[in-house]
C-alpha cells in the first residue's frame, strides 16, 4: 500500500470503481487510528454516491461531506461550504471522491491551489480495463490527461481496479496486470495498488504491499454502477 498522505484524491472514468475505493480507503485510514473525513465531489454521477455509505462511515467514525442534494430527486451541481474546511483542518486525513472523467473533475479545480500549496497529497487514477472506454492503456492514458487538464493537478499514481462486477475471478485480475503495467509506463507513474473484492482468493502474483482488498456494497456491485 502507498504511504498515506494528508489528502488522497481518487479520480477516473465513469464505472471505474473510484467511489468504492474512496469509501474503503477512508475506512482503512480510520482503522489506522487517523481522524478521517471523506468528501464527495462527484456532482455528475447519479448512481453510486459516497452518501450511500453514510451509515457505515459514521459508525466507523469517518466524517462525510457531501452535497445536501445527494440521493434526492434534486440534481443540482452544488458543493457544500464545509469542503473548504478540509484544507484548514490539518489534523484530519481527507479522502476526496472526484467526479467521473474531465467534466466531473472541473469541480475539483477551485480547491487545487489549496492542495498544491500544502503539498501533502496523492492524486490517484482509478483504471478498469473491463470498461468500454478504457479497455486499453492508450485510451485510459487519454482519460488521465483529460482529467488533469480539467482540474489542473497531475496524477501521482495509478490504481488497478479492473473488474467485471460479480463475474470477476482471480484470473480476470491477473489478466489486467499487463494493462496496469503498460498504463504506468505510458504515464511514468507508479502503481499505488491493485484492488479487488476481499472475498476473492488472495492473488499469488500480487505482492502483499500492492494489494488493497475491498468490502463492496452488494447494492451497487454491478457492472453498470460500481
Protein backbone atom coordinates (compact mmCIF):
# COMPACT_ATOMS: atom_id res chain seq x y z
CA UNK A 1 0.00 0.00 0.00
CA UNK A 2 1.02 3.59 -0.56
CA UNK A 3 2.20 5.71 2.33
CA UNK A 4 -0.88 7.71 3.44
CA UNK A 5 -0.90 11.37 2.51
CA UNK A 6 -2.88 14.05 4.32
CA UNK A 7 -5.12 14.39 1.24
CA UNK A 8 -5.88 11.49 -1.11
CA UNK A 9 -7.90 12.05 -4.25
CA UNK A 10 -9.44 9.31 -6.40
CA UNK A 11 -10.46 10.10 -9.97
CA UNK A 12 -11.27 8.05 -13.05
CA UNK A 13 -13.76 7.37 -15.77
CA UNK A 14 -17.39 6.52 -15.03
CA UNK A 15 -17.68 2.96 -13.76
CA UNK A 16 -14.03 2.71 -12.74
CA UNK A 17 -14.99 1.99 -9.13
CA UNK A 18 -13.41 5.09 -7.61
CA UNK A 19 -16.24 5.63 -5.12
CA UNK A 20 -15.95 2.08 -3.77
CA UNK A 21 -12.22 2.61 -3.34
CA UNK A 22 -12.61 6.06 -1.76
CA UNK A 23 -15.03 4.70 0.85
CA UNK A 24 -12.82 1.71 1.62
CA UNK A 25 -9.70 3.84 1.78
CA UNK A 26 -11.33 6.26 4.23
CA UNK A 27 -12.27 3.31 6.44
CA UNK A 28 -8.71 1.97 6.12
CA UNK A 29 -7.25 5.27 7.32
CA UNK A 30 -9.68 5.40 10.23
CA UNK A 31 -8.70 1.87 11.29
CA UNK A 32 -5.09 3.02 11.27
CA UNK A 33 -6.16 5.42 14.01
CA UNK A 34 -6.26 8.56 11.85
CA UNK A 35 -9.02 11.14 12.12
CA UNK A 36 -10.61 10.91 8.70
CA UNK A 37 -13.07 12.85 6.56
CA UNK A 38 -14.35 11.80 3.13
CA UNK A 39 -15.68 14.34 0.66
CA UNK A 40 -17.93 13.56 -2.29
CA UNK A 41 -17.10 15.91 -5.16
CA UNK A 42 -18.92 13.72 -7.69
CA UNK A 43 -21.64 16.12 -8.78
CA UNK A 44 -22.26 14.32 -12.07
CA UNK A 45 -22.84 10.62 -11.33
CA UNK A 46 -26.44 9.95 -10.12
CA UNK A 47 -25.80 6.26 -9.38
CA UNK A 48 -23.24 5.32 -6.75
CA UNK A 49 -22.64 8.17 -4.35
CA UNK A 50 -20.43 8.26 -1.26
CA UNK A 51 -23.53 9.26 0.69
CA UNK A 52 -24.91 5.77 0.06
CA UNK A 53 -22.35 4.55 2.61
CA UNK A 54 -23.16 7.28 5.14
CA UNK A 55 -24.35 4.94 7.90
CA UNK A 56 -21.31 2.68 7.65
CA UNK A 57 -18.90 5.61 7.53
CA UNK A 58 -20.42 7.29 10.57
CA UNK A 59 -20.48 4.02 12.52
CA UNK A 60 -16.70 3.80 11.95
CA UNK A 61 -16.13 7.42 12.94
CA UNK A 62 -15.49 8.77 9.43
CA UNK A 63 -16.89 12.23 8.77
CA UNK A 64 -18.78 12.62 5.49
CA UNK A 65 -19.06 15.81 3.44
CA UNK A 66 -21.47 15.66 0.51
CA UNK A 67 -24.00 17.79 -1.30
CA UNK A 68 -27.26 18.24 0.58
CA UNK A 69 -28.97 17.23 -2.67
CA UNK A 70 -27.18 13.86 -2.88
CA UNK A 71 -29.59 10.90 -3.01
CA UNK A 72 -32.55 13.19 -3.56
CA UNK A 73 -34.68 13.84 -6.62
CA UNK A 74 -33.00 17.24 -6.96
CA UNK A 75 -29.99 17.09 -9.28
CA UNK A 76 -28.00 20.29 -8.76
CA UNK A 77 -24.21 20.66 -9.09
CA UNK A 78 -23.90 22.13 -5.57
CA UNK A 79 -20.88 21.63 -3.33
CA UNK A 80 -21.12 22.12 0.45
CA UNK A 81 -19.30 25.03 2.06
CA UNK A 82 -17.75 22.57 4.52
CA UNK A 83 -15.49 21.32 1.74
CA UNK A 84 -13.14 24.27 2.24
CA UNK A 85 -12.63 23.14 5.84
CA UNK A 86 -10.69 20.12 4.60
CA UNK A 87 -7.78 22.36 3.68
CA UNK A 88 -7.72 24.17 7.02
CA UNK A 89 -8.06 21.23 9.38
CA UNK A 90 -4.59 19.72 9.02
CA UNK A 91 -5.25 17.36 11.96
CA UNK A 92 -7.54 15.24 9.77
CA UNK A 93 -6.78 12.98 6.82
CA UNK A 94 -9.03 13.72 3.85
CA UNK A 95 -10.22 11.38 1.10
CA UNK A 96 -11.81 13.07 -1.92
CA UNK A 97 -14.01 11.27 -4.44
CA UNK A 98 -13.61 13.28 -7.65
CA UNK A 99 -16.33 13.21 -10.30
CA UNK A 100 -16.10 10.92 -13.30
CA UNK A 101 -13.95 11.96 -16.30
CA UNK A 102 -12.99 15.52 -17.19
CA UNK A 103 -16.45 17.04 -16.66
CA UNK A 104 -16.65 15.83 -13.09
CA UNK A 105 -13.06 16.87 -12.43
CA UNK A 106 -13.94 20.50 -13.14
CA UNK A 107 -15.44 20.72 -9.63
CA UNK A 108 -12.03 19.98 -8.13
CA UNK A 109 -10.38 22.94 -9.84
CA UNK A 110 -11.41 25.51 -7.25
CA UNK A 111 -9.62 23.56 -4.49
CA UNK A 112 -6.42 22.78 -6.39
CA UNK A 113 -4.48 25.88 -5.16
CA UNK A 114 -5.01 24.77 -1.55
CA UNK A 115 -3.92 21.20 -2.33
CA UNK A 116 -0.80 22.26 -4.19
CA UNK A 117 0.16 24.79 -1.53
CA UNK A 118 0.07 22.16 1.20
CA UNK A 119 1.82 19.59 -0.99
CA UNK A 120 0.90 16.56 1.13
CA UNK A 121 -1.38 14.74 -1.32
CA UNK A 122 -1.81 11.76 -3.61
CA UNK A 123 -3.85 12.08 -6.80
CA UNK A 124 -4.69 8.53 -7.91
CA UNK A 125 -6.14 7.48 -11.25
CA UNK A 126 -8.53 4.53 -10.90
CA UNK A 127 -8.41 2.36 -14.01
CA UNK A 128 -10.60 -0.55 -15.08
CA UNK A 129 -9.66 -2.28 -18.32
CA UNK A 130 -13.03 -4.05 -18.45
CA UNK A 131 -14.95 -0.82 -19.03
CA UNK A 132 -15.81 0.20 -22.63
CA UNK A 133 -13.85 3.46 -22.82
CA UNK A 134 -10.70 2.30 -21.01
CA UNK A 135 -10.16 -1.17 -22.45
CA UNK A 136 -6.54 -0.47 -23.31
CA UNK A 137 -3.75 1.54 -21.76
CA UNK A 138 -3.72 4.18 -24.52
CA UNK A 139 -7.40 5.01 -24.03
CA UNK A 140 -7.01 5.09 -20.25
CA UNK A 141 -4.00 7.37 -20.59
CA UNK A 142 -6.05 9.77 -22.72
CA UNK A 143 -8.71 9.90 -19.99
CA UNK A 144 -5.98 10.66 -17.45
CA UNK A 145 -4.76 13.61 -19.46
CA UNK A 146 -8.31 14.94 -19.93
CA UNK A 147 -8.92 14.84 -16.17
CA UNK A 148 -5.61 16.55 -15.43
CA UNK A 149 -6.41 19.26 -17.94
CA UNK A 150 -9.84 19.85 -16.43
CA UNK A 151 -8.82 20.08 -12.79
CA UNK A 152 -5.28 21.46 -13.05
CA UNK A 153 -3.48 18.88 -10.93
CA UNK A 154 -1.35 15.97 -12.12
CA UNK A 155 -1.84 12.36 -11.09
CA UNK A 156 0.78 10.85 -8.81
CA UNK A 157 -0.14 7.17 -9.13
CA UNK A 158 -2.35 4.51 -10.70
CA UNK A 159 -4.86 2.18 -9.07
CA UNK A 160 -5.70 -1.01 -10.97
CA UNK A 161 -9.34 -1.71 -10.16
CA UNK A 162 -10.09 -3.90 -13.17
CA UNK A 163 -13.19 -5.98 -12.56
CA UNK A 164 -16.36 -7.22 -14.26
CA UNK A 165 -18.69 -6.90 -11.33
CA UNK A 166 -19.98 -10.07 -9.71
CA UNK A 167 -18.42 -12.10 -12.53
CA UNK A 168 -14.87 -11.19 -11.52
CA UNK A 169 -12.47 -14.05 -10.94
CA UNK A 170 -8.85 -14.07 -9.73
CA UNK A 171 -7.88 -14.88 -13.31
CA UNK A 172 -9.57 -11.69 -14.55
CA UNK A 173 -7.50 -9.62 -12.15
CA UNK A 174 -4.26 -11.37 -13.08
CA UNK A 175 -5.11 -10.75 -16.74
CA UNK A 176 -5.29 -7.00 -16.02
CA UNK A 177 -1.72 -6.76 -14.74
CA UNK A 178 -0.30 -6.18 -18.23
CA UNK A 179 -2.78 -3.34 -18.80
CA UNK A 180 -1.81 -1.71 -15.50
CA UNK A 181 1.90 -2.08 -16.20
CA UNK A 182 1.50 -0.51 -19.65
CA UNK A 183 -0.53 2.39 -18.26
CA UNK A 184 2.11 3.03 -15.60
CA UNK A 185 4.73 3.02 -18.35
CA UNK A 186 2.84 5.48 -20.54
CA UNK A 187 2.22 7.85 -17.64
CA UNK A 188 5.57 7.32 -15.89
CA UNK A 189 3.63 6.80 -12.66
CA UNK A 190 3.90 4.06 -10.04
CA UNK A 191 1.19 1.51 -9.35
CA UNK A 192 -0.29 2.51 -6.00
CA UNK A 193 -2.15 -0.79 -5.57
CA UNK A 194 -4.41 -3.38 -7.18
CA UNK A 195 -7.86 -3.50 -5.60
CA UNK A 196 -10.41 -6.30 -5.65
CA UNK A 197 -13.22 -7.85 -3.63
CA UNK A 198 -11.78 -9.23 -0.40
CA UNK A 199 -13.86 -12.38 -0.91
CA UNK A 200 -11.70 -13.36 -3.88
CA UNK A 201 -8.78 -15.65 -3.19
CA UNK A 202 -5.57 -13.74 -2.48
CA UNK A 203 -3.77 -13.48 -5.76
CA UNK A 204 -0.41 -15.26 -5.61
CA UNK A 205 1.07 -13.00 -8.28
CA UNK A 206 0.34 -9.83 -6.30
CA UNK A 207 2.91 -8.52 -3.85
CA UNK A 208 1.26 -8.10 -0.46
CA UNK A 209 2.06 -4.40 -0.28
CA UNK A 210 0.42 -3.81 -3.68
CA UNK A 211 -2.96 -5.30 -2.73
CA UNK A 212 -5.99 -3.45 -1.36
CA UNK A 213 -8.94 -5.79 -0.66
CA UNK A 214 -12.34 -4.08 -0.83
CA UNK A 215 -15.55 -4.62 1.11
CA UNK A 216 -18.17 -3.97 -1.56
CA UNK A 217 -21.75 -2.89 -1.05
CA UNK A 218 -23.80 -5.55 -2.85
CA UNK A 219 -26.50 -2.99 -3.68
CA UNK A 220 -24.09 -1.34 -6.07
CA UNK A 221 -21.57 -4.01 -7.05
CA UNK A 222 -22.92 -4.19 -10.56
CA UNK A 223 -21.03 -3.72 -13.82
CA UNK A 224 -23.15 -0.66 -14.63
CA UNK A 225 -22.78 1.14 -11.33
CA UNK A 226 -19.69 0.43 -9.25
